[in-house]
Amino acid sequence: MAMQPMRMPTPPTGVPVGSYETYEAAQRAVDFLSDEQFPVQHVTIVGNGLRMVERVTGRWDRNRAATTGAAGGAWWGVFLGLMLSLFSEGTNNVLLVVLAAAIAGAVFGAVFGMIGYAMTGGRRDFRSQSSVVATTYDVLCQYQHADQARTLLEKLAMRG
C-alpha cells in the first residue's frame, strides 16, 4: 500500500461574509447557515489578531508541588500496582500490591515534585493556564456562494 503524501497546512481562501467578536458567535453563524441548508463545506472560520493569554490561577509553593507530585505519583502507582497484580495470586494480594504501589508512587511523586520546584529557584511561583485567543473571527466563504451566505446571515442578524 502506497503512503499518502503529508498535506501541509494552507492559508484559508474565500471572501468574508461575516465578522464576529467571539468564536461562539462565528460558530452560531455557521450553524445557522447549516440549518438553512447552505453548503457549509465552502465555509471557514478564521481567527484574527491571535494572542497568547496566560491566566494566573494561583500560587505555587513547596507544599503545592509536593501535593501535586504525590497525587500524580499515586495514580501511576495504582496503574503499576494493577499491572503487577495481574501476575500475583489471590484477591488479598491484589489489594496489597495496588495499595503498596500507590503509596510508593505518592512518596516518589512528592519528592520529585519538591525537587522540581526547588530547581526553579523561585523564578515561577505561580500556576497558570495558557491559551491562544483571537480578537475577532471572520467567516469566509468561497466566492461563488458568498452572496447567498451574506443574505442568510443578514436574516440571522435581524433575529438578534
C-alpha atoms as a PDB file:
ATOM      1  CA  MET A   1       0.000   0.000   0.000  1.00  0.00           C
ATOM      2  CA  ALA A   2       1.470   3.351  -1.033  1.00  0.00           C
ATOM      3  CA  MET A   3       1.711   6.062   1.591  1.00  0.00           C
ATOM      4  CA  GLN A   4      -0.198   9.280   1.003  1.00  0.00           C
ATOM      5  CA  PRO A   5       1.969  12.412   0.961  1.00  0.00           C
ATOM      6  CA  MET A   6       1.517  14.536   4.073  1.00  0.00           C
ATOM      7  CA  ARG A   7      -0.692  17.555   3.405  1.00  0.00           C
ATOM      8  CA  MET A   8       0.788  20.818   4.538  1.00  0.00           C
ATOM      9  CA  PRO A   9      -1.477  23.496   6.044  1.00  0.00           C
ATOM     10  CA  THR A  10      -2.601  26.123   3.566  1.00  0.00           C
ATOM     11  CA  PRO A  11      -3.896  29.648   4.157  1.00  0.00           C
ATOM     12  CA  PRO A  12      -7.685  29.977   4.157  1.00  0.00           C
ATOM     13  CA  THR A  13      -9.408  31.058   0.968  1.00  0.00           C
ATOM     14  CA  GLY A  14     -12.694  32.804   0.364  1.00  0.00           C
ATOM     15  CA  VAL A  15     -14.273  36.176   0.939  1.00  0.00           C
ATOM     16  CA  PRO A  16     -15.512  37.479   4.298  1.00  0.00           C
ATOM     17  CA  VAL A  17     -19.273  37.116   4.751  1.00  0.00           C
ATOM     18  CA  GLY A  18     -19.373  37.984   8.463  1.00  0.00           C
ATOM     19  CA  SER A  19     -17.137  39.142  11.310  1.00  0.00           C
ATOM     20  CA  TYR A  20     -17.736  38.300  14.974  1.00  0.00           C
ATOM     21  CA  GLU A  21     -16.208  39.235  18.326  1.00  0.00           C
ATOM     22  CA  THR A  22     -16.317  35.693  19.747  1.00  0.00           C
ATOM     23  CA  TYR A  23     -15.757  32.217  18.391  1.00  0.00           C
ATOM     24  CA  GLU A  24     -19.172  31.205  19.723  1.00  0.00           C
ATOM     25  CA  ALA A  25     -20.850  33.899  17.596  1.00  0.00           C
ATOM     26  CA  ALA A  26     -18.968  32.768  14.472  1.00  0.00           C
ATOM     27  CA  GLN A  27     -19.881  29.161  15.234  1.00  0.00           C
ATOM     28  CA  ARG A  28     -23.526  30.185  15.692  1.00  0.00           C
ATOM     29  CA  ALA A  29     -23.445  31.856  12.257  1.00  0.00           C
ATOM     30  CA  VAL A  30     -22.102  28.718  10.573  1.00  0.00           C
ATOM     31  CA  ASP A  31     -24.631  26.585  12.453  1.00  0.00           C
ATOM     32  CA  PHE A  32     -27.389  28.879  11.205  1.00  0.00           C
ATOM     33  CA  LEU A  33     -26.108  28.504   7.633  1.00  0.00           C
ATOM     34  CA  SER A  34     -26.202  24.728   8.087  1.00  0.00           C
ATOM     35  CA  ASP A  35     -29.755  24.872   9.461  1.00  0.00           C
ATOM     36  CA  GLU A  36     -30.731  26.829   6.336  1.00  0.00           C
ATOM     37  CA  GLN A  37     -29.350  24.023   4.127  1.00  0.00           C
ATOM     38  CA  PHE A  38     -26.401  26.150   2.977  1.00  0.00           C
ATOM     39  CA  PRO A  39     -23.424  24.071   1.694  1.00  0.00           C
ATOM     40  CA  VAL A  40     -21.219  24.728   4.741  1.00  0.00           C
ATOM     41  CA  GLN A  41     -18.301  22.764   3.294  1.00  0.00           C
ATOM     42  CA  HIS A  42     -17.482  26.043   1.490  1.00  0.00           C
ATOM     43  CA  VAL A  43     -17.160  27.987   4.774  1.00  0.00           C
ATOM     44  CA  THR A  44     -14.133  28.607   7.005  1.00  0.00           C
ATOM     45  CA  ILE A  45     -13.884  30.310  10.407  1.00  0.00           C
ATOM     46  CA  VAL A  46     -10.659  32.309  10.744  1.00  0.00           C
ATOM     47  CA  GLY A  47      -9.360  33.843  13.975  1.00  0.00           C
ATOM     48  CA  ASN A  48      -7.620  37.216  13.548  1.00  0.00           C
ATOM     49  CA  GLY A  49      -5.252  39.061  15.859  1.00  0.00           C
ATOM     50  CA  LEU A  50      -4.063  35.945  17.678  1.00  0.00           C
ATOM     51  CA  ARG A  51      -2.703  36.424  21.189  1.00  0.00           C
ATOM     52  CA  MET A  52      -1.199  34.054  23.713  1.00  0.00           C
ATOM     53  CA  VAL A  53      -3.003  34.607  27.013  1.00  0.00           C
ATOM     54  CA  GLU A  54      -1.709  33.198  30.284  1.00  0.00           C
ATOM     55  CA  ARG A  55      -4.257  33.289  33.085  1.00  0.00           C
ATOM     56  CA  VAL A  56      -2.716  33.049  36.556  1.00  0.00           C
ATOM     57  CA  THR A  57      -4.696  30.553  38.634  1.00  0.00           C
ATOM     58  CA  GLY A  58      -2.870  30.641  41.958  1.00  0.00           C
ATOM     59  CA  ARG A  59       0.347  30.497  43.956  1.00  0.00           C
ATOM     60  CA  TRP A  60       2.887  27.702  43.588  1.00  0.00           C
ATOM     61  CA  ASP A  61       4.906  26.702  46.643  1.00  0.00           C
ATOM     62  CA  ARG A  62       6.764  23.667  48.008  1.00  0.00           C
ATOM     63  CA  ASN A  63       3.650  22.208  49.651  1.00  0.00           C
ATOM     64  CA  ARG A  64       1.569  22.550  46.462  1.00  0.00           C
ATOM     65  CA  ALA A  65       4.403  20.987  44.421  1.00  0.00           C
ATOM     66  CA  ALA A  66       4.615  18.072  46.862  1.00  0.00           C
ATOM     67  CA  THR A  67       0.844  17.553  46.915  1.00  0.00           C
ATOM     68  CA  THR A  68       0.537  17.680  43.137  1.00  0.00           C
ATOM     69  CA  GLY A  69       3.511  15.342  42.725  1.00  0.00           C
ATOM     70  CA  ALA A  70       2.101  12.919  45.298  1.00  0.00           C
ATOM     71  CA  ALA A  71      -1.283  12.814  43.564  1.00  0.00           C
ATOM     72  CA  GLY A  72       0.279  12.138  40.170  1.00  0.00           C
ATOM     73  CA  GLY A  73       2.652   9.574  41.637  1.00  0.00           C
ATOM     74  CA  ALA A  74      -0.199   7.797  43.424  1.00  0.00           C
ATOM     75  CA  TRP A  75      -2.129   7.439  40.155  1.00  0.00           C
ATOM     76  CA  TRP A  76       0.943   5.995  38.451  1.00  0.00           C
ATOM     77  CA  GLY A  77       1.387   3.711  41.459  1.00  0.00           C
ATOM     78  CA  VAL A  78      -2.196   2.461  41.186  1.00  0.00           C
ATOM     79  CA  PHE A  79      -1.670   1.783  37.477  1.00  0.00           C
ATOM     80  CA  LEU A  80       1.615  -0.042  38.092  1.00  0.00           C
ATOM     81  CA  GLY A  81       0.073  -1.954  41.012  1.00  0.00           C
ATOM     82  CA  LEU A  82      -2.796  -3.115  38.820  1.00  0.00           C
ATOM     83  CA  MET A  83      -0.333  -4.247  36.161  1.00  0.00           C
ATOM     84  CA  LEU A  84       1.759  -6.126  38.755  1.00  0.00           C
ATOM     85  CA  SER A  85      -1.331  -7.671  40.314  1.00  0.00           C
ATOM     86  CA  LEU A  86      -2.029  -9.477  37.063  1.00  0.00           C
ATOM     87  CA  PHE A  87       0.884 -11.746  37.992  1.00  0.00           C
ATOM     88  CA  SER A  88       0.002 -12.263  41.664  1.00  0.00           C
ATOM     89  CA  GLU A  89      -2.301 -14.892  43.129  1.00  0.00           C
ATOM     90  CA  GLY A  90      -5.292 -14.276  45.383  1.00  0.00           C
ATOM     91  CA  THR A  91      -7.510 -11.228  45.872  1.00  0.00           C
ATOM     92  CA  ASN A  92      -5.825 -10.178  49.161  1.00  0.00           C
ATOM     93  CA  ASN A  93      -2.508  -9.877  47.375  1.00  0.00           C
ATOM     94  CA  VAL A  94      -4.034  -7.756  44.621  1.00  0.00           C
ATOM     95  CA  LEU A  95      -5.265  -5.116  47.044  1.00  0.00           C
ATOM     96  CA  LEU A  96      -1.991  -5.163  48.952  1.00  0.00           C
ATOM     97  CA  VAL A  97       0.095  -4.791  45.764  1.00  0.00           C
ATOM     98  CA  VAL A  98      -2.044  -1.919  44.456  1.00  0.00           C
ATOM     99  CA  LEU A  99      -2.022  -0.131  47.831  1.00  0.00           C
ATOM    100  CA  ALA A 100       1.743  -0.509  48.265  1.00  0.00           C
ATOM    101  CA  ALA A 101       2.400   0.728  44.729  1.00  0.00           C
ATOM    102  CA  ALA A 102       0.088   3.722  45.255  1.00  0.00           C
ATOM    103  CA  ILE A 103       1.856   4.693  48.485  1.00  0.00           C
ATOM    104  CA  ALA A 104       5.310   4.264  46.917  1.00  0.00           C
ATOM    105  CA  GLY A 105       4.196   6.301  43.899  1.00  0.00           C
ATOM    106  CA  ALA A 106       2.863   9.069  46.142  1.00  0.00           C
ATOM    107  CA  VAL A 107       6.125   9.256  48.085  1.00  0.00           C
ATOM    108  CA  PHE A 108       8.277   9.340  44.943  1.00  0.00           C
ATOM    109  CA  GLY A 109       5.915  11.852  43.311  1.00  0.00           C
ATOM    110  CA  ALA A 110       6.044  14.181  46.323  1.00  0.00           C
ATOM    111  CA  VAL A 111       9.848  14.029  46.460  1.00  0.00           C
ATOM    112  CA  PHE A 112      10.246  14.673  42.735  1.00  0.00           C
ATOM    113  CA  GLY A 113       7.622  17.441  42.876  1.00  0.00           C
ATOM    114  CA  MET A 114       9.597  19.233  45.580  1.00  0.00           C
ATOM    115  CA  ILE A 115      12.880  18.701  43.704  1.00  0.00           C
ATOM    116  CA  GLY A 116      11.336  20.143  40.549  1.00  0.00           C
ATOM    117  CA  TYR A 117      10.027  23.144  42.465  1.00  0.00           C
ATOM    118  CA  ALA A 118      13.409  23.724  44.149  1.00  0.00           C
ATOM    119  CA  MET A 119      15.140  23.660  40.757  1.00  0.00           C
ATOM    120  CA  THR A 120      13.113  26.668  39.559  1.00  0.00           C
ATOM    121  CA  GLY A 121      14.866  28.823  42.160  1.00  0.00           C
ATOM    122  CA  GLY A 122      11.693  30.803  42.891  1.00  0.00           C
ATOM    123  CA  ARG A 123      11.514  32.173  39.328  1.00  0.00           C
ATOM    124  CA  ARG A 124       7.974  30.941  38.781  1.00  0.00           C
ATOM    125  CA  ASP A 125       5.962  30.862  41.996  1.00  0.00           C
ATOM    126  CA  PHE A 126       2.554  30.758  40.332  1.00  0.00           C
ATOM    127  CA  ARG A 127       0.300  28.349  38.450  1.00  0.00           C
ATOM    128  CA  SER A 128      -1.315  29.327  35.172  1.00  0.00           C
ATOM    129  CA  GLN A 129      -3.184  28.155  32.085  1.00  0.00           C
ATOM    130  CA  SER A 130      -2.148  29.325  28.628  1.00  0.00           C
ATOM    131  CA  SER A 131      -4.322  29.600  25.554  1.00  0.00           C
ATOM    132  CA  VAL A 132      -4.337  31.263  22.178  1.00  0.00           C
ATOM    133  CA  VAL A 133      -7.282  33.591  21.547  1.00  0.00           C
ATOM    134  CA  ALA A 134      -8.290  35.808  18.655  1.00  0.00           C
ATOM    135  CA  THR A 135      -9.569  39.364  18.827  1.00  0.00           C
ATOM    136  CA  THR A 136     -12.113  38.738  16.021  1.00  0.00           C
ATOM    137  CA  TYR A 137     -13.389  35.799  13.980  1.00  0.00           C
ATOM    138  CA  ASP A 138     -14.226  36.067  10.293  1.00  0.00           C
ATOM    139  CA  VAL A 139     -16.488  33.650   8.466  1.00  0.00           C
ATOM    140  CA  LEU A 140     -15.107  33.173   4.970  1.00  0.00           C
ATOM    141  CA  CYS A 141     -16.981  31.609   2.093  1.00  0.00           C
ATOM    142  CA  GLN A 142     -15.957  30.594  -1.406  1.00  0.00           C
ATOM    143  CA  TYR A 143     -16.750  33.386  -3.852  1.00  0.00           C
ATOM    144  CA  GLN A 144     -19.469  31.533  -5.800  1.00  0.00           C
ATOM    145  CA  HIS A 145     -21.538  31.046  -2.588  1.00  0.00           C
ATOM    146  CA  ALA A 146     -20.743  34.332  -0.811  1.00  0.00           C
ATOM    147  CA  ASP A 147     -23.866  36.291  -1.806  1.00  0.00           C
ATOM    148  CA  GLN A 148     -26.165  33.504  -0.612  1.00  0.00           C
ATOM    149  CA  ALA A 149     -24.253  33.267   2.691  1.00  0.00           C
ATOM    150  CA  ARG A 150     -24.449  37.036   3.265  1.00  0.00           C
ATOM    151  CA  THR A 151     -28.202  37.036   2.600  1.00  0.00           C
ATOM    152  CA  LEU A 152     -28.752  34.224   5.097  1.00  0.00           C
ATOM    153  CA  LEU A 153     -26.513  35.847   7.728  1.00  0.00           C
ATOM    154  CA  GLU A 154     -28.490  39.105   7.385  1.00  0.00           C
ATOM    155  CA  LYS A 155     -31.587  37.074   8.396  1.00  0.00           C
ATOM    156  CA  LEU A 156     -29.683  35.844  11.455  1.00  0.00           C
ATOM    157  CA  ALA A 157     -28.626  39.399  12.367  1.00  0.00           C
ATOM    158  CA  MET A 158     -32.258  40.582  12.178  1.00  0.00           C
ATOM    159  CA  ARG A 159     -33.281  37.880  14.656  1.00  0.00           C
ATOM    160  CA  GLY A 160     -30.832  39.304  17.143  1.00  0.00           C
END
